[in-house]
């Protein structure tokens, strides 16, 4: 059985390799100059991961970057093996003259991140089957309860989770985005959003999440892995 890691353990274990822990996954990006280079890096990563590639590794290849994601798919969590695979992927990228990095404070369009959609509901068990059906989603590994999150079975769309409401709030948006960013990216991301007209509604749960809103009151949460263990 693979050892599951705490949020703190996972974050600290991969920090020096240029990866970041994002609420259940490890992620890094490798800037490249062509699609062929990205595919080559992906092939190298699969090779160094060996038999574990299919159960742990996902790769998004583009002409300008390859984005690597690691998670034990059987457990929907980060394990010690994922950390070892991150080390191997970073080493093989370095040997080829490339750098694994979270793209924080660089000229990159943005840092690595994870997008989730949150749906506020009075009756989560009542609406969850609808969203599961209409999106073509499935249960996350080990979490098939009537109020558990839903995930894209092919790993392309954002996860959907449900937040319990205590009363109807007709004047408030009922679906919002959660943008999970690296813990060391959150301050810059929030500052940038506020500088262009956003409002900070709440920081009482920071650094787990900050609640922001646009000029019309539509809300979004900027989240990190920190502050979730108490």
Protein backbone atom coordinates (compact mmCIF):
# COMPACT_ATOMS: atom_id res chain seq x y z
CA UNK A 1 0.00 0.00 0.00
CA UNK A 2 1.43 3.37 -1.02
CA UNK A 3 1.96 5.85 1.81
CA UNK A 4 -0.44 8.78 1.54
CA UNK A 5 1.14 12.14 2.36
CA UNK A 6 -0.25 15.05 4.31
CA UNK A 7 -0.61 18.39 2.56
CA UNK A 8 2.48 19.72 4.33
CA UNK A 9 4.53 16.63 3.54
CA UNK A 10 3.56 16.66 -0.13
CA UNK A 11 4.28 20.36 -0.55
CA UNK A 12 7.67 20.24 1.14
CA UNK A 13 8.73 17.05 -0.62
CA UNK A 14 8.48 18.49 -4.16
CA UNK A 15 9.20 22.18 -3.61
CA UNK A 16 12.87 21.92 -4.61
CA UNK A 17 12.04 19.95 -7.77
CA UNK A 18 9.96 22.80 -9.22
CA UNK A 19 6.59 21.16 -8.51
CA UNK A 20 3.68 22.44 -6.43
CA UNK A 21 1.02 20.62 -4.42
CA UNK A 22 -2.50 21.69 -5.43
CA UNK A 23 -5.25 20.13 -3.30
CA UNK A 24 -4.66 16.50 -4.14
CA UNK A 25 -2.22 16.60 -7.06
CA UNK A 26 1.37 17.51 -7.82
CA UNK A 27 1.84 19.72 -10.87
CA UNK A 28 4.67 21.32 -12.81
CA UNK A 29 5.19 22.92 -16.20
CA UNK A 30 8.12 22.68 -18.61
CA UNK A 31 8.49 25.50 -21.17
CA UNK A 32 9.49 24.16 -24.59
CA UNK A 33 10.05 25.47 -28.09
CA UNK A 34 7.90 23.08 -30.10
CA UNK A 35 5.23 20.43 -29.91
CA UNK A 36 7.84 17.83 -30.83
CA UNK A 37 9.91 18.81 -27.78
CA UNK A 38 6.85 18.59 -25.54
CA UNK A 39 5.98 15.13 -26.87
CA UNK A 40 9.58 14.04 -26.43
CA UNK A 41 9.57 15.17 -22.81
CA UNK A 42 6.28 13.37 -22.23
CA UNK A 43 7.76 10.17 -23.66
CA UNK A 44 10.83 10.53 -21.42
CA UNK A 45 8.57 11.03 -18.38
CA UNK A 46 6.56 7.92 -19.20
CA UNK A 47 9.78 5.94 -19.56
CA UNK A 48 11.23 6.99 -16.20
CA UNK A 49 7.90 6.36 -14.46
CA UNK A 50 7.82 2.83 -15.86
CA UNK A 51 4.88 0.69 -14.84
CA UNK A 52 3.61 3.47 -12.56
CA UNK A 53 2.96 5.90 -15.42
CA UNK A 54 -0.57 4.72 -16.19
CA UNK A 55 -1.70 4.88 -12.53
CA UNK A 56 -0.04 8.17 -11.58
CA UNK A 57 0.92 10.41 -14.50
CA UNK A 58 -1.10 12.75 -16.73
CA UNK A 59 0.52 15.00 -19.32
CA UNK A 60 -0.87 17.96 -21.29
CA UNK A 61 1.41 18.70 -24.25
CA UNK A 62 1.32 22.00 -26.12
CA UNK A 63 3.72 23.70 -28.58
CA UNK A 64 4.97 26.00 -25.79
CA UNK A 65 4.89 23.70 -22.73
CA UNK A 66 4.32 20.30 -21.25
CA UNK A 67 2.29 20.24 -18.03
CA UNK A 68 2.78 17.21 -15.80
CA UNK A 69 0.32 16.10 -13.11
CA UNK A 70 0.93 13.33 -10.60
CA UNK A 71 -1.62 11.65 -8.35
CA UNK A 72 -2.33 8.11 -7.25
CA UNK A 73 -5.46 7.63 -9.36
CA UNK A 74 -6.51 4.58 -7.35
CA UNK A 75 -6.68 6.67 -4.18
CA UNK A 76 -7.30 10.19 -5.53
CA UNK A 77 -4.42 11.40 -3.35
CA UNK A 78 -0.71 12.17 -3.40
CA UNK A 79 1.54 9.38 -2.17
CA UNK A 80 5.24 8.90 -1.55
CA UNK A 81 5.45 7.24 -4.96
CA UNK A 82 4.16 10.41 -6.64
CA UNK A 83 6.98 12.35 -5.01
CA UNK A 84 9.50 9.83 -6.29
CA UNK A 85 8.05 10.08 -9.80
CA UNK A 86 8.23 13.88 -9.63
CA UNK A 87 11.92 13.60 -8.76
CA UNK A 88 12.53 11.28 -11.71
CA UNK A 89 10.65 13.51 -14.17
CA UNK A 90 12.55 16.61 -13.04
CA UNK A 91 15.85 14.77 -13.36
CA UNK A 92 15.14 13.51 -16.88
CA UNK A 93 13.95 16.97 -17.97
CA UNK A 94 17.15 18.49 -16.59
CA UNK A 95 19.24 15.97 -18.49
CA UNK A 96 17.54 17.15 -21.69
CA UNK A 97 18.21 20.81 -20.90
CA UNK A 98 14.71 21.67 -19.68
CA UNK A 99 13.44 22.95 -16.35
CA UNK A 100 10.41 21.82 -14.36
CA UNK A 101 8.88 24.88 -12.72
CA UNK A 102 5.58 26.16 -11.29
CA UNK A 103 5.94 29.34 -13.42
CA UNK A 104 5.50 31.72 -10.51
CA UNK A 105 6.82 35.25 -11.03
CA UNK A 106 8.09 34.47 -14.53
CA UNK A 107 7.10 35.67 -17.98
CA UNK A 108 4.69 32.74 -18.23
CA UNK A 109 1.00 33.55 -18.84
CA UNK A 110 0.18 32.14 -15.36
CA UNK A 111 1.36 29.70 -12.75
CA UNK A 112 0.28 26.09 -12.59
CA UNK A 113 -3.18 25.90 -11.06
CA UNK A 114 -6.26 23.72 -10.60
CA UNK A 115 -9.81 24.82 -11.45
CA UNK A 116 -12.85 23.54 -9.55
CA UNK A 117 -16.51 24.53 -9.77
CA UNK A 118 -18.47 24.85 -6.53
CA UNK A 119 -22.27 24.61 -6.48
CA UNK A 120 -24.08 25.93 -3.41
CA UNK A 121 -27.12 23.80 -2.62
CA UNK A 122 -29.76 23.24 0.02
CA UNK A 123 -30.24 19.61 -1.08
CA UNK A 124 -26.89 18.32 -2.33
CA UNK A 125 -28.05 14.71 -2.58
CA UNK A 126 -31.01 15.87 -4.66
CA UNK A 127 -29.05 17.82 -7.28
CA UNK A 128 -25.86 15.77 -7.47
CA UNK A 129 -27.32 13.08 -9.79
CA UNK A 130 -28.40 15.78 -12.26
CA UNK A 131 -24.91 17.27 -12.50
CA UNK A 132 -23.36 13.83 -12.73
CA UNK A 133 -25.63 12.96 -15.65
CA UNK A 134 -25.58 16.22 -17.57
CA UNK A 135 -21.78 16.58 -17.38
CA UNK A 136 -21.05 12.91 -18.03
CA UNK A 137 -19.00 12.90 -14.82
CA UNK A 138 -18.29 10.13 -12.36
CA UNK A 139 -17.44 9.59 -8.70
CA UNK A 140 -13.94 10.34 -7.49
CA UNK A 141 -12.01 7.24 -6.42
CA UNK A 142 -13.17 6.20 -2.97
CA UNK A 143 -15.80 8.96 -2.76
CA UNK A 144 -19.16 7.89 -4.14
CA UNK A 145 -21.39 9.26 -1.41
CA UNK A 146 -24.53 11.34 -2.09
CA UNK A 147 -22.72 14.61 -1.28
CA UNK A 148 -19.22 13.85 -2.61
CA UNK A 149 -17.49 15.73 -5.46
CA UNK A 150 -17.73 14.71 -9.10
CA UNK A 151 -14.85 14.38 -11.56
CA UNK A 152 -14.38 14.15 -15.31
CA UNK A 153 -13.62 10.47 -16.06
CA UNK A 154 -11.16 11.47 -18.80
CA UNK A 155 -9.52 14.19 -16.74
CA UNK A 156 -10.19 17.16 -19.03
CA UNK A 157 -12.83 19.19 -17.16
CA UNK A 158 -12.70 20.76 -13.69
CA UNK A 159 -13.92 18.89 -10.65
CA UNK A 160 -17.34 19.85 -9.30
CA UNK A 161 -18.02 19.97 -5.56
CA UNK A 162 -21.07 20.91 -3.54
CA UNK A 163 -21.24 23.41 -0.69
CA UNK A 164 -24.00 23.09 1.85
CA UNK A 165 -26.27 26.14 2.19
CA UNK A 166 -28.14 26.83 5.41
CA UNK A 167 -30.81 28.97 3.76
CA UNK A 168 -31.84 30.20 0.33
CA UNK A 169 -29.89 33.19 -0.96
CA UNK A 170 -31.68 34.29 -4.14
CA UNK A 171 -29.59 37.44 -4.62
CA UNK A 172 -26.28 35.62 -4.50
CA UNK A 173 -24.67 33.57 -7.24
CA UNK A 174 -25.03 29.86 -6.51
CA UNK A 175 -22.17 28.57 -8.68
CA UNK A 176 -18.65 29.90 -8.29
CA UNK A 177 -15.11 29.01 -9.34
CA UNK A 178 -12.38 27.83 -7.00
CA UNK A 179 -8.93 28.64 -8.38
CA UNK A 180 -6.36 26.54 -6.54
CA UNK A 181 -2.95 28.15 -6.97
CA UNK A 182 0.46 27.42 -5.44
CA UNK A 183 0.67 28.74 -1.90
CA UNK A 184 3.42 31.13 -2.93
CA UNK A 185 1.41 32.44 -5.90
CA UNK A 186 -1.78 33.36 -4.00
CA UNK A 187 -0.74 36.86 -2.76
CA UNK A 188 0.25 38.00 -6.25
CA UNK A 189 -2.89 36.56 -7.84
CA UNK A 190 -5.14 38.31 -5.30
CA UNK A 191 -3.28 41.60 -5.58
CA UNK A 192 -3.64 41.52 -9.36
CA UNK A 193 -7.38 40.80 -9.16
CA UNK A 194 -7.97 43.62 -6.69
CA UNK A 195 -5.96 46.05 -8.81
CA UNK A 196 -8.36 45.63 -11.74
CA UNK A 197 -11.53 46.26 -9.76
CA UNK A 198 -12.07 43.12 -7.72
CA UNK A 199 -13.18 43.20 -4.09
CA UNK A 200 -11.98 41.11 -1.19
CA UNK A 201 -15.10 39.83 0.58
CA UNK A 202 -13.47 37.61 3.17
CA UNK A 203 -10.06 36.46 4.33
CA UNK A 204 -11.24 34.78 7.52
CA UNK A 205 -10.31 31.32 6.19
CA UNK A 206 -7.02 32.38 4.59
CA UNK A 207 -4.67 30.85 3.59
CA UNK A 208 -7.11 28.01 2.84
CA UNK A 209 -9.15 30.41 0.73
CA UNK A 210 -9.94 34.06 0.11
CA UNK A 211 -13.36 35.08 -1.24
CA UNK A 212 -13.24 37.73 -3.97
CA UNK A 213 -15.95 39.27 -6.13
CA UNK A 214 -16.14 41.23 -9.35
CA UNK A 215 -17.88 44.61 -9.66
CA UNK A 216 -21.29 42.92 -9.94
CA UNK A 217 -20.81 40.67 -6.93
CA UNK A 218 -20.02 37.38 -8.69
CA UNK A 219 -17.77 35.44 -6.35
CA UNK A 220 -14.62 33.39 -6.78
CA UNK A 221 -12.37 31.72 -4.23
CA UNK A 222 -8.59 31.75 -4.52
CA UNK A 223 -7.50 28.65 -2.65
CA UNK A 224 -4.30 26.93 -1.49
CA UNK A 225 -3.53 23.72 0.36
CA UNK A 226 -2.51 25.63 3.49
CA UNK A 227 -4.69 26.12 6.54
CA UNK A 228 -6.80 23.00 5.98
CA UNK A 229 -5.45 20.67 8.65
CA UNK A 230 -6.92 22.31 11.76
